[in-house]
Amino acid sequence: MSQEKVDRYKEYKKNKDKILKREKQMKRLEACIAAVVAAAFVAWFGWSVYHNVTDKGETAETVQVTEIEANAYTDYVSGLQHSFTA
């Protein structure tokens, strides 16, 4: 086992420059990918906010009106008021 460790260390020392160069490249690639993902998220967020703000002006013209017939309720409440006052 000890000889295997020594051999691995010698191999590492021999290829140290290549290994470190590859590690630097991977770190740069990871940073670039993270930057692209962050930029895409910021762009999507900005677009969705802009889209929601501009759509509000268009939908403000179409207001839905709901009418409720409350005759039974008003009769009930007025009946309660008459029963307490009498």
C-alpha atoms as a PDB file:
ATOM      1  CA  MET A   1       0.000   0.000   0.000  1.00  0.00           C
ATOM      2  CA  SER A   2       2.803   2.369   0.838  1.00  0.00           C
ATOM      3  CA  GLN A   3       4.501   1.824  -2.512  1.00  0.00           C
ATOM      4  CA  GLU A   4       1.196   2.649  -4.295  1.00  0.00           C
ATOM      5  CA  LYS A   5       1.028   5.966  -2.453  1.00  0.00           C
ATOM      6  CA  VAL A   6       4.597   6.771  -3.437  1.00  0.00           C
ATOM      7  CA  ASP A   7       3.872   5.917  -7.075  1.00  0.00           C
ATOM      8  CA  ARG A   8       0.721   8.066  -7.087  1.00  0.00           C
ATOM      9  CA  TYR A   9       2.634  10.974  -5.578  1.00  0.00           C
ATOM     10  CA  LYS A  10       5.398  10.674  -8.185  1.00  0.00           C
ATOM     11  CA  GLU A  11       2.770  10.584 -10.945  1.00  0.00           C
ATOM     12  CA  TYR A  12       1.080  13.644  -9.450  1.00  0.00           C
ATOM     13  CA  LYS A  13       4.361  15.557  -9.284  1.00  0.00           C
ATOM     14  CA  LYS A  14       5.135  14.640 -12.881  1.00  0.00           C
ATOM     15  CA  ASN A  15       1.724  15.867 -14.156  1.00  0.00           C
ATOM     16  CA  LYS A  16       1.194  18.646 -11.611  1.00  0.00           C
ATOM     17  CA  ASP A  17       1.197  21.456 -14.194  1.00  0.00           C
ATOM     18  CA  LYS A  18      -1.414  19.726 -16.355  1.00  0.00           C
ATOM     19  CA  ILE A  19      -3.577  18.887 -13.351  1.00  0.00           C
ATOM     20  CA  LEU A  20      -3.497  22.435 -11.974  1.00  0.00           C
ATOM     21  CA  LYS A  21      -4.187  23.896 -15.426  1.00  0.00           C
ATOM     22  CA  ARG A  22      -7.214  21.609 -15.834  1.00  0.00           C
ATOM     23  CA  GLU A  23      -8.475  22.582 -12.358  1.00  0.00           C
ATOM     24  CA  LYS A  24      -8.181  26.289 -13.220  1.00  0.00           C
ATOM     25  CA  GLN A  25     -10.086  25.713 -16.452  1.00  0.00           C
ATOM     26  CA  MET A  26     -12.840  23.886 -14.591  1.00  0.00           C
ATOM     27  CA  LYS A  27     -13.139  26.714 -12.045  1.00  0.00           C
ATOM     28  CA  ARG A  28     -13.398  29.276 -14.856  1.00  0.00           C
ATOM     29  CA  LEU A  29     -15.984  27.164 -16.654  1.00  0.00           C
ATOM     30  CA  GLU A  30     -18.032  26.809 -13.463  1.00  0.00           C
ATOM     31  CA  ALA A  31     -17.861  30.568 -12.868  1.00  0.00           C
ATOM     32  CA  CYS A  32     -18.973  31.284 -16.445  1.00  0.00           C
ATOM     33  CA  ILE A  33     -21.875  28.862 -16.184  1.00  0.00           C
ATOM     34  CA  ALA A  34     -22.929  30.391 -12.865  1.00  0.00           C
ATOM     35  CA  ALA A  35     -22.764  33.880 -14.411  1.00  0.00           C
ATOM     36  CA  VAL A  36     -24.877  32.799 -17.388  1.00  0.00           C
ATOM     37  CA  VAL A  37     -27.473  31.207 -15.116  1.00  0.00           C
ATOM     38  CA  ALA A  38     -27.562  34.310 -12.898  1.00  0.00           C
ATOM     39  CA  ALA A  39     -27.912  36.597 -15.930  1.00  0.00           C
ATOM     40  CA  ALA A  40     -30.726  34.428 -17.303  1.00  0.00           C
ATOM     41  CA  PHE A  41     -32.522  34.567 -13.958  1.00  0.00           C
ATOM     42  CA  VAL A  42     -32.171  38.357 -13.740  1.00  0.00           C
ATOM     43  CA  ALA A  43     -33.377  38.757 -17.333  1.00  0.00           C
ATOM     44  CA  TRP A  44     -36.365  36.474 -16.733  1.00  0.00           C
ATOM     45  CA  PHE A  45     -37.248  38.318 -13.523  1.00  0.00           C
ATOM     46  CA  GLY A  46     -36.999  41.711 -15.231  1.00  0.00           C
ATOM     47  CA  TRP A  47     -39.067  40.540 -18.181  1.00  0.00           C
ATOM     48  CA  SER A  48     -41.795  39.105 -15.955  1.00  0.00           C
ATOM     49  CA  VAL A  49     -41.989  42.306 -13.890  1.00  0.00           C
ATOM     50  CA  TYR A  50     -42.132  44.422 -17.048  1.00  0.00           C
ATOM     51  CA  HIS A  51     -44.737  42.113 -18.550  1.00  0.00           C
ATOM     52  CA  ASN A  52     -46.934  42.281 -15.441  1.00  0.00           C
ATOM     53  CA  VAL A  53     -46.673  46.067 -15.214  1.00  0.00           C
ATOM     54  CA  THR A  54     -47.549  46.648 -18.858  1.00  0.00           C
ATOM     55  CA  ASP A  55     -50.459  44.166 -18.763  1.00  0.00           C
ATOM     56  CA  LYS A  56     -52.044  45.953 -15.809  1.00  0.00           C
ATOM     57  CA  GLY A  57     -52.834  48.974 -17.975  1.00  0.00           C
ATOM     58  CA  GLU A  58     -54.560  46.850 -20.609  1.00  0.00           C
ATOM     59  CA  THR A  59     -56.683  44.796 -18.213  1.00  0.00           C
ATOM     60  CA  ALA A  60     -57.764  47.831 -16.181  1.00  0.00           C
ATOM     61  CA  GLU A  61     -60.287  48.664 -18.908  1.00  0.00           C
ATOM     62  CA  THR A  62     -62.082  45.332 -18.600  1.00  0.00           C
ATOM     63  CA  VAL A  63     -63.695  45.358 -15.186  1.00  0.00           C
ATOM     64  CA  GLN A  64     -66.047  42.544 -14.297  1.00  0.00           C
ATOM     65  CA  VAL A  65     -69.153  43.699 -12.439  1.00  0.00           C
ATOM     66  CA  THR A  66     -71.167  41.272 -10.339  1.00  0.00           C
ATOM     67  CA  GLU A  67     -74.624  42.238  -9.142  1.00  0.00           C
ATOM     68  CA  ILE A  68     -76.111  40.682  -6.043  1.00  0.00           C
ATOM     69  CA  GLU A  69     -79.763  40.836  -5.188  1.00  0.00           C
ATOM     70  CA  ALA A  70     -79.887  41.493  -1.461  1.00  0.00           C
ATOM     71  CA  ASN A  71     -83.603  42.089  -0.976  1.00  0.00           C
ATOM     72  CA  ALA A  72     -84.046  39.061   1.278  1.00  0.00           C
ATOM     73  CA  TYR A  73     -81.115  40.120   3.461  1.00  0.00           C
ATOM     74  CA  THR A  74     -82.307  43.712   3.821  1.00  0.00           C
ATOM     75  CA  ASP A  75     -85.826  42.490   4.680  1.00  0.00           C
ATOM     76  CA  TYR A  76     -84.380  40.166   7.336  1.00  0.00           C
ATOM     77  CA  VAL A  77     -82.212  42.887   8.883  1.00  0.00           C
ATOM     78  CA  SER A  78     -85.042  45.423   8.890  1.00  0.00           C
ATOM     79  CA  GLY A  79     -87.283  42.797  10.491  1.00  0.00           C
ATOM     80  CA  LEU A  80     -84.694  42.305  13.244  1.00  0.00           C
ATOM     81  CA  GLN A  81     -84.514  46.019  13.852  1.00  0.00           C
ATOM     82  CA  HIS A  82     -88.302  46.276  14.133  1.00  0.00           C
ATOM     83  CA  SER A  83     -88.489  43.367  16.560  1.00  0.00           C
ATOM     84  CA  PHE A  84     -85.940  44.967  18.934  1.00  0.00           C
ATOM     85  CA  THR A  85     -87.529  48.424  18.817  1.00  0.00           C
ATOM     86  CA  ALA A  86     -91.049  47.165  19.447  1.00  0.00           C
END
